[in-house]
Amino acid sequence: MRLQSDPAGRATPTTGTATEGLRGLVEDALLRPQTAAYATTMRVVLFSILTSVVVMAVETVHPLVDDYATLFGVIDAILLTIFTVEYLLRLYVAPEDSEFAHAKSPRWAYMRSPFAVVDLVAILPFYLSMLVALDLRMLRALRLLRIFKLMRVLVPAFHEFRALNQGRTFRQKVHALVW
């Protein structure tokens, strides 16, 4: 039996037709917004995206690139690993995702979705460069697509904020947003 946090922060057993084991944990982390695993996953992905953007910006400063090239390479490899694992795990649980479950081939439907295409295009240049001699400087621009991964986090958060603050005045909404 898995536990999830209720609004008061207490651990409560999950209900419904939740899958047990590793698959259930992955489903919780990627498909069930009410679970603590989902919140943790979104924080890690958001932090990784923001770190990636900062590293890309700092890599444009030549004295820093020269002095810390190895560090930037390690950070980029860690971020690439996180994004690759997220992509593969989303592909793994695509049949349980309500958005793709109805499709004849849920994994193929996921792979054709806009978020999945952006995710794949953002990580693919690294793996292509391992197979074919490519100039990575040109392909590094594709890493900017990682910014679009923010939409996966921000769009649901926007809808949740709108639903929670329905019927409130503009001032109350601003207060809820800031505080």
Foldseek 3Di string as FASTA:
>chain_A
DAWFQDPVRDTDDDDDDADDDPLSLLCCCPPPPRGPNVVVNVVVLVVLLVVLVVLVVVCVPVVCCVVCVVVSVVSVVVSLVSLVVNLVSCLVCQCVHPVQVPDPRSSVVVCPDPLNVLSCLLNVVVVVCVVDVDDVVVSNVSVVSSVVNVCVVPVVVVVVLCVVCPPHDPVVSVVVVPD
